[in-house]
Amino acid sequence: MNSKTLQTPKIPSQTLKNNILQRHHIKLDDIAAFDNLATAAWKAARGKRNRTEISTFFTNFDHNINKISNSIRLEQMPYGIFKTFYIRDPKVRLIHAACFEDRILHHAIMNYAAPILERAMSPAAYACLPEKGVHKAAYQVQKYIRRYPWYIKIDIQAYFNTIDHAILFKILRHRFKGTEFLALLNKIIDGYHFSLGKGLPIGSLTSQYFANYYLDKIDRLLLAHPTVMAAVRYMDDLIWWCQTKELAQLSLNWIRNIITEERLLTIKPKIQINRSLRGVTYCGYRILPGTLRLSTRRKRQYYIRRCYWEHLYVTGHITALQLQQAYASVHAITDGANSRKWRQKNLAIHPALDI
């Protein structure tokens, strides 16, 4: 396989047809319809009904829904109001949570746009997609490390903050049509800037879908590349497999240029090229051909969350029943992994509270 072949892989015409040529028309009136907005409001309020902003909205539900509907039709939305705060999951992230009305708008849009984007995504993508997710991604990676000898793992430097608005909007124009709807998408994209013309707010539903779709072409190019045997991507964490270390390095050099030139993104310096038999850490798991273990990061996350909920119980902020429910959610962090011995050891060192 020579370098010239590597630089000019041919993508099957069917791949191009599925990924580029089909455009879907979405009407602004459909987004602004009462039933669609009502459904969106219930989705946006899920798990948050006790918050003052949301309970106030629901006390005059019909009036507020009609107000949002009129604002959409008059092109007065989104309002672009964000509440910012930091979370540690596990690294510190700055979250920009849109106001409740804008979150309703986001859900109303995605009621129509999400199924289209989901169907358009390549089979390598696992984030923000039905019947996929973290666990499915980890299992698929394990399947591939059993099958193929070498892997390359990369992720993107400051991914959400460096997504280019103009490129993103161009990508979305290849998928959707409708002047008013595209203008609304452009307004949402342009409503947040980490730097001039770049960045999506972490915490918005639209950001999750747009960021996931932004790298879809990269998935497809990799899967069509003559040296690449398989690939998995969870948002901006990308891993693929080759037959030899040399081919792995060549494919990396090739895709790095495309990511840099066509998406204006930078790959983090910490790139892994390794034998599959040695395993890989991915999506919070230490994945080996014969077992799936918790990564150090996920173990730390388990311990921190457990301590957090126990502290709330000891200080009287939650009930015993709420602590039991919290224990179940903390235990879910270990789902899918061969972690029984580690959990037993952890409980021996830090016994659970007697409730």
Protein backbone atom coordinates (compact mmCIF):
# COMPACT_ATOMS: atom_id res chain seq x y z
CA MET A 1 0.00 0.00 0.00
CA ASN A 2 1.77 3.19 -1.11
CA SER A 3 1.40 6.68 0.31
CA LYS A 4 -0.34 7.97 -2.80
CA THR A 5 -3.14 5.44 -2.34
CA LEU A 6 -3.41 6.43 1.31
CA GLN A 7 -3.83 10.09 0.47
CA THR A 8 -6.63 9.55 -2.03
CA PRO A 9 -9.02 6.86 -0.74
CA LYS A 10 -12.17 6.37 -2.76
CA ILE A 11 -15.44 6.63 -0.88
CA PRO A 12 -18.23 4.42 -2.25
CA SER A 13 -20.87 6.41 -4.13
CA GLN A 14 -23.59 5.03 -1.84
CA THR A 15 -21.76 6.47 1.17
CA LEU A 16 -21.69 9.90 -0.47
CA LYS A 17 -25.35 9.65 -1.40
CA ASN A 18 -26.46 8.72 2.10
CA ASN A 19 -24.30 11.31 3.77
CA ILE A 20 -24.59 14.38 1.53
CA LEU A 21 -27.39 14.41 -1.03
CA GLN A 22 -30.51 13.81 1.03
CA ARG A 23 -31.88 17.08 2.42
CA HIS A 24 -34.97 17.32 4.61
CA HIS A 25 -37.36 20.25 4.72
CA ILE A 26 -38.50 21.30 8.20
CA LYS A 27 -41.12 24.03 8.51
CA LEU A 28 -40.95 26.68 11.20
CA ASP A 29 -44.71 26.28 11.72
CA ASP A 30 -44.16 22.63 12.64
CA ILE A 31 -41.54 23.61 15.21
CA ALA A 32 -43.88 26.27 16.63
CA ALA A 33 -46.97 24.02 16.74
CA PHE A 34 -48.60 23.84 20.18
CA ASP A 35 -48.46 20.04 20.47
CA ASN A 36 -44.79 19.95 19.49
CA LEU A 37 -43.89 22.67 21.99
CA ALA A 38 -45.93 21.00 24.74
CA THR A 39 -44.08 17.73 24.17
CA ALA A 40 -40.80 19.63 24.16
CA ALA A 41 -41.68 21.36 27.44
CA TRP A 42 -42.30 18.05 29.20
CA LYS A 43 -39.01 16.71 27.88
CA ALA A 44 -37.12 19.83 28.97
CA ALA A 45 -38.69 19.64 32.44
CA ARG A 46 -37.92 15.95 33.00
CA GLY A 47 -36.31 15.53 36.42
CA LYS A 48 -36.45 19.29 37.11
CA ARG A 49 -40.13 19.99 37.88
CA ASN A 50 -39.34 21.22 41.41
CA ARG A 51 -37.17 24.09 40.18
CA THR A 52 -38.78 27.50 40.61
CA GLU A 53 -38.29 28.58 36.99
CA ILE A 54 -39.98 25.44 35.70
CA SER A 55 -42.81 25.17 38.24
CA THR A 56 -43.68 28.82 37.52
CA PHE A 57 -43.80 28.07 33.79
CA PHE A 58 -46.17 25.15 34.30
CA THR A 59 -48.62 27.15 36.43
CA ASN A 60 -49.65 29.03 33.28
CA PHE A 61 -48.70 26.35 30.79
CA ASP A 62 -50.92 27.12 27.79
CA HIS A 63 -50.19 30.84 27.88
CA ASN A 64 -46.44 30.29 28.08
CA ILE A 65 -46.44 27.72 25.28
CA ASN A 66 -48.38 30.10 23.04
CA LYS A 67 -45.94 32.88 23.91
CA ILE A 68 -42.99 30.71 22.81
CA SER A 69 -44.88 29.73 19.65
CA ASN A 70 -45.42 33.37 18.71
CA SER A 71 -41.78 34.22 19.49
CA ILE A 72 -40.58 31.43 17.19
CA ARG A 73 -42.82 32.58 14.34
CA LEU A 74 -41.66 36.18 14.81
CA GLU A 75 -38.03 34.96 14.79
CA GLN A 76 -37.44 36.32 18.30
CA MET A 77 -35.97 33.11 19.66
CA PRO A 78 -33.69 31.80 21.01
CA TYR A 79 -33.39 34.34 23.81
CA GLY A 80 -29.74 33.38 24.31
CA ILE A 81 -29.83 33.55 28.11
CA PHE A 82 -27.43 31.12 29.81
CA LYS A 83 -26.76 30.16 33.40
CA THR A 84 -23.12 29.16 33.84
CA PHE A 85 -21.64 26.81 36.42
CA TYR A 86 -18.83 24.28 36.77
CA ILE A 87 -19.08 20.52 37.18
CA ARG A 88 -16.41 17.90 37.79
CA ASP A 89 -17.18 14.76 35.77
CA PRO A 90 -14.37 13.84 36.22
CA LYS A 91 -12.50 16.89 34.90
CA VAL A 92 -13.77 20.41 35.47
CA ARG A 93 -16.17 21.60 32.76
CA LEU A 94 -17.90 24.95 32.33
CA ILE A 95 -21.59 24.34 31.65
CA HIS A 96 -23.82 26.86 29.88
CA ALA A 97 -27.42 25.93 30.69
CA ALA A 98 -29.92 27.75 28.48
CA CYS A 99 -33.01 29.32 30.02
CA PHE A 100 -36.07 27.05 30.17
CA GLU A 101 -37.77 28.67 27.17
CA ASP A 102 -34.69 28.11 25.01
CA ARG A 103 -34.44 24.51 26.22
CA ILE A 104 -38.03 24.00 25.09
CA LEU A 105 -37.07 25.42 21.70
CA HIS A 106 -34.09 23.05 21.49
CA HIS A 107 -36.30 20.03 22.21
CA ALA A 108 -38.93 21.27 19.75
CA ILE A 109 -36.28 21.46 17.03
CA MET A 110 -34.79 18.09 17.85
CA ASN A 111 -38.22 16.42 17.85
CA TYR A 112 -37.94 16.83 14.07
CA ALA A 113 -34.20 17.08 13.44
CA ALA A 114 -32.86 14.38 15.78
CA PRO A 115 -34.31 11.37 13.90
CA ILE A 116 -32.87 12.74 10.66
CA LEU A 117 -29.41 13.24 12.14
CA GLU A 118 -29.53 9.86 13.89
CA ARG A 119 -30.31 8.05 10.65
CA ALA A 120 -27.55 9.99 8.88
CA MET A 121 -24.80 9.10 11.35
CA SER A 122 -22.19 6.54 10.41
CA PRO A 123 -22.17 3.17 12.21
CA ALA A 124 -18.93 4.20 13.95
CA ALA A 125 -20.70 6.86 16.07
CA TYR A 126 -21.96 5.92 19.55
CA ALA A 127 -22.73 9.19 21.40
CA CYS A 128 -26.25 10.69 21.63
CA LEU A 129 -27.81 7.89 19.59
CA PRO A 130 -30.66 5.50 20.48
CA GLU A 131 -29.65 1.91 21.22
CA LYS A 132 -26.00 2.97 21.54
CA GLY A 133 -24.13 4.90 24.25
CA VAL A 134 -21.11 4.33 26.48
CA HIS A 135 -21.63 0.63 27.22
CA LYS A 136 -22.29 -0.32 23.60
CA ALA A 137 -19.19 1.63 22.56
CA ALA A 138 -17.05 -0.22 25.10
CA TYR A 139 -18.38 -3.62 24.02
CA GLN A 140 -17.75 -2.78 20.36
CA VAL A 141 -14.18 -1.71 21.13
CA GLN A 142 -13.62 -5.00 22.96
CA LYS A 143 -14.97 -6.89 19.95
CA TYR A 144 -12.53 -5.10 17.64
CA ILE A 145 -9.45 -5.48 19.85
CA ARG A 146 -10.09 -9.23 19.78
CA ARG A 147 -10.20 -9.15 15.99
CA TYR A 148 -7.62 -6.60 14.76
CA PRO A 149 -3.96 -6.31 15.83
CA TRP A 150 -3.22 -2.55 16.04
CA TYR A 151 -5.27 0.43 17.19
CA ILE A 152 -4.91 4.22 17.02
CA LYS A 153 -6.71 6.33 19.63
CA ILE A 154 -7.07 10.10 19.42
CA ASP A 155 -9.23 12.83 20.83
CA ILE A 156 -9.72 16.49 19.98
CA GLN A 157 -8.23 19.40 21.89
CA ALA A 158 -11.01 21.51 23.52
CA TYR A 159 -13.55 20.02 21.13
CA PHE A 160 -16.76 21.93 21.92
CA ASN A 161 -14.87 25.22 22.22
CA THR A 162 -13.22 24.91 18.80
CA ILE A 163 -16.10 23.81 16.57
CA ASP A 164 -16.23 26.29 13.71
CA HIS A 165 -19.64 27.94 13.23
CA ALA A 166 -19.35 28.44 9.47
CA ILE A 167 -18.30 24.85 8.84
CA LEU A 168 -21.01 23.48 11.14
CA PHE A 169 -23.72 25.52 9.43
CA LYS A 170 -22.48 24.38 6.01
CA ILE A 171 -22.70 20.76 7.17
CA LEU A 172 -26.24 21.26 8.45
CA ARG A 173 -27.27 22.91 5.16
CA HIS A 174 -26.30 19.67 3.42
CA ARG A 175 -28.81 17.84 5.63
CA PHE A 176 -31.69 20.33 6.03
CA LYS A 177 -33.53 22.85 3.88
CA GLY A 178 -36.10 25.54 4.55
CA THR A 179 -35.01 29.17 4.76
CA GLU A 180 -36.72 29.93 8.08
CA PHE A 181 -35.54 26.72 9.75
CA LEU A 182 -31.94 27.20 8.62
CA ALA A 183 -32.05 30.81 9.86
CA LEU A 184 -33.17 29.50 13.26
CA LEU A 185 -30.33 26.96 13.36
CA ASN A 186 -27.85 29.66 12.42
CA LYS A 187 -29.15 31.91 15.19
CA ILE A 188 -28.73 29.12 17.75
CA ILE A 189 -25.19 28.38 16.56
CA ASP A 190 -24.25 32.06 16.49
CA GLY A 191 -25.77 32.65 19.94
CA TYR A 192 -22.65 31.41 21.71
CA HIS A 193 -18.97 32.12 21.09
CA PHE A 194 -16.02 30.73 23.01
CA SER A 195 -13.87 32.66 20.56
CA LEU A 196 -14.84 34.55 17.42
CA GLY A 197 -16.88 32.23 15.20
CA LYS A 198 -16.14 29.15 17.28
CA GLY A 199 -17.63 27.09 20.08
CA LEU A 200 -20.81 25.33 21.17
CA PRO A 201 -22.15 25.59 24.73
CA ILE A 202 -21.70 22.41 26.74
CA GLY A 203 -25.07 21.59 28.27
CA SER A 204 -27.43 22.29 25.35
CA LEU A 205 -29.32 19.51 23.59
CA THR A 206 -28.61 21.01 20.18
CA SER A 207 -24.89 21.20 20.99
CA GLN A 208 -24.76 17.45 21.65
CA TYR A 209 -26.30 16.59 18.29
CA PHE A 210 -24.40 19.22 16.31
CA ALA A 211 -21.06 18.28 17.86
CA ASN A 212 -21.68 14.60 17.20
CA TYR A 213 -22.61 15.24 13.57
CA TYR A 214 -19.65 17.59 13.02
CA LEU A 215 -17.27 14.60 12.84
CA ASP A 216 -19.52 12.28 10.83
CA LYS A 217 -17.50 12.81 7.65
CA ILE A 218 -14.34 11.81 9.52
CA ASP A 219 -15.99 8.53 10.51
CA ARG A 220 -17.00 7.81 6.94
CA LEU A 221 -13.61 8.64 5.48
CA LEU A 222 -11.93 6.34 7.98
CA LEU A 223 -14.33 3.48 7.35
CA ALA A 224 -13.79 3.85 3.59
CA HIS A 225 -10.01 4.03 3.90
CA PRO A 226 -8.17 0.99 2.48
CA THR A 227 -5.98 0.52 5.58
CA VAL A 228 -8.68 0.91 8.25
CA MET A 229 -10.37 -2.29 9.43
CA ALA A 230 -12.91 -0.76 11.84
CA ALA A 231 -13.59 2.41 13.85
CA VAL A 232 -15.53 3.59 16.90
CA ARG A 233 -16.19 7.19 17.92
CA TYR A 234 -17.78 8.49 21.10
CA MET A 235 -18.19 12.24 20.46
CA ASP A 236 -14.58 13.40 19.98
CA ASP A 237 -12.86 10.22 21.23
CA LEU A 238 -11.95 8.26 18.12
CA ILE A 239 -10.31 4.85 17.84
CA TRP A 240 -9.65 2.74 14.76
CA TRP A 241 -7.78 -0.43 13.81
CA CYS A 242 -5.16 -1.39 11.24
CA GLN A 243 -3.18 -4.53 10.42
CA THR A 244 0.30 -3.11 11.11
CA LYS A 245 1.93 -0.30 13.06
CA GLU A 246 3.18 1.26 9.83
CA LEU A 247 -0.32 1.40 8.35
CA ALA A 248 -1.62 2.79 11.64
CA GLN A 249 0.86 5.67 11.49
CA LEU A 250 0.11 6.35 7.82
CA SER A 251 -3.64 6.44 8.44
CA LEU A 252 -3.08 8.78 11.40
CA ASN A 253 -1.05 11.22 9.31
CA TRP A 254 -3.73 11.16 6.62
CA ILE A 255 -6.75 11.73 8.90
CA ARG A 256 -4.91 14.35 10.97
CA ASN A 257 -4.57 16.52 7.85
CA ILE A 258 -8.28 16.18 7.08
CA ILE A 259 -9.32 16.99 10.66
CA THR A 260 -7.05 20.04 10.64
CA GLU A 261 -7.93 21.35 7.19
CA GLU A 262 -11.62 20.46 6.82
CA ARG A 263 -12.80 20.82 10.43
CA LEU A 264 -10.18 23.28 11.77
CA LEU A 265 -9.62 21.08 14.82
CA THR A 266 -6.46 20.02 16.65
CA ILE A 267 -5.73 16.49 17.83
CA LYS A 268 -4.38 16.28 21.38
CA PRO A 269 -0.66 15.43 21.52
CA LYS A 270 -1.37 12.30 23.55
CA ILE A 271 -1.96 9.86 20.68
CA GLN A 272 -1.96 6.12 21.30
CA ILE A 273 -0.76 3.58 18.74
CA ASN A 274 -0.55 0.18 20.35
CA ARG A 275 -1.16 -3.53 20.02
CA SER A 276 -4.75 -4.51 20.70
CA LEU A 277 -3.64 -7.34 22.98
CA ARG A 278 -2.36 -4.73 25.45
CA GLY A 279 -5.82 -3.25 25.84
CA VAL A 280 -7.09 0.32 25.75
CA THR A 281 -8.79 2.75 28.11
CA TYR A 282 -11.98 4.01 26.48
CA CYS A 283 -15.28 5.50 27.69
CA GLY A 284 -14.31 5.01 31.32
CA TYR A 285 -13.32 1.36 30.99
CA ARG A 286 -10.04 -0.49 30.81
CA ILE A 287 -10.83 -2.75 27.87
CA LEU A 288 -8.88 -5.98 27.37
CA PRO A 289 -9.61 -8.87 25.00
CA GLY A 290 -10.84 -11.04 27.86
CA THR A 291 -12.36 -8.60 30.33
CA LEU A 292 -13.81 -5.14 30.90
CA ARG A 293 -12.54 -3.29 33.98
CA LEU A 294 -13.22 0.10 35.50
CA SER A 295 -10.70 2.77 34.55
CA THR A 296 -8.95 4.74 37.28
CA ARG A 297 -11.10 7.73 36.34
CA ARG A 298 -14.34 5.79 36.78
CA LYS A 299 -13.20 4.34 40.11
CA ARG A 300 -12.50 7.87 41.32
CA GLN A 301 -15.88 9.01 40.03
CA TYR A 302 -17.59 6.18 41.93
CA TYR A 303 -15.89 7.10 45.20
CA ILE A 304 -16.48 10.86 44.86
CA ARG A 305 -20.18 10.47 44.10
CA ARG A 306 -20.68 8.02 46.93
CA CYS A 307 -19.01 10.38 49.41
CA TYR A 308 -21.11 13.27 48.08
CA TRP A 309 -24.43 11.53 48.71
CA GLU A 310 -23.35 10.18 52.08
CA HIS A 311 -22.35 13.69 53.14
CA LEU A 312 -25.80 15.00 52.16
CA TYR A 313 -27.43 12.27 54.27
CA VAL A 314 -25.21 12.83 57.32
CA THR A 315 -25.88 16.58 57.20
CA GLY A 316 -29.64 16.02 56.94
CA HIS A 317 -30.14 17.25 53.37
CA ILE A 318 -31.57 13.95 52.06
CA THR A 319 -33.55 11.08 53.57
CA ALA A 320 -32.53 7.45 53.99
CA LEU A 321 -34.73 6.53 51.01
CA GLN A 322 -33.05 9.15 48.86
CA LEU A 323 -29.65 7.83 49.91
CA GLN A 324 -30.67 4.31 48.90
CA GLN A 325 -31.74 5.63 45.50
CA ALA A 326 -28.44 7.51 45.25
CA TYR A 327 -26.50 4.33 46.05
CA ALA A 328 -28.26 2.66 43.11
CA SER A 329 -27.23 5.48 40.76
CA VAL A 330 -23.65 5.36 42.05
CA HIS A 331 -23.56 1.60 41.57
CA ALA A 332 -24.64 2.15 37.94
CA ILE A 333 -21.22 3.72 37.33
CA THR A 334 -19.77 0.21 37.52
CA ASP A 335 -22.32 -1.33 35.12
CA GLY A 336 -20.83 -3.48 32.39
CA ALA A 337 -17.47 -3.92 34.09
CA ASN A 338 -15.98 -6.90 35.88
CA SER A 339 -15.80 -4.89 39.12
CA ARG A 340 -17.13 -7.13 41.89
CA LYS A 341 -13.78 -7.70 43.61
CA TRP A 342 -12.90 -4.01 43.42
CA ARG A 343 -16.27 -2.99 44.91
CA GLN A 344 -15.88 -5.51 47.73
CA LYS A 345 -12.43 -4.13 48.50
CA ASN A 346 -13.74 -0.56 48.34
CA LEU A 347 -16.59 -1.35 50.75
CA ALA A 348 -14.17 -3.05 53.15
CA ILE A 349 -12.04 0.11 53.27
CA HIS A 350 -14.98 2.56 53.19
CA PRO A 351 -18.10 0.78 54.55
CA ALA A 352 -21.50 2.03 53.43
CA LEU A 353 -23.57 3.95 55.97
CA ASP A 354 -25.94 1.89 58.12
CA ILE A 355 -29.40 3.08 57.11
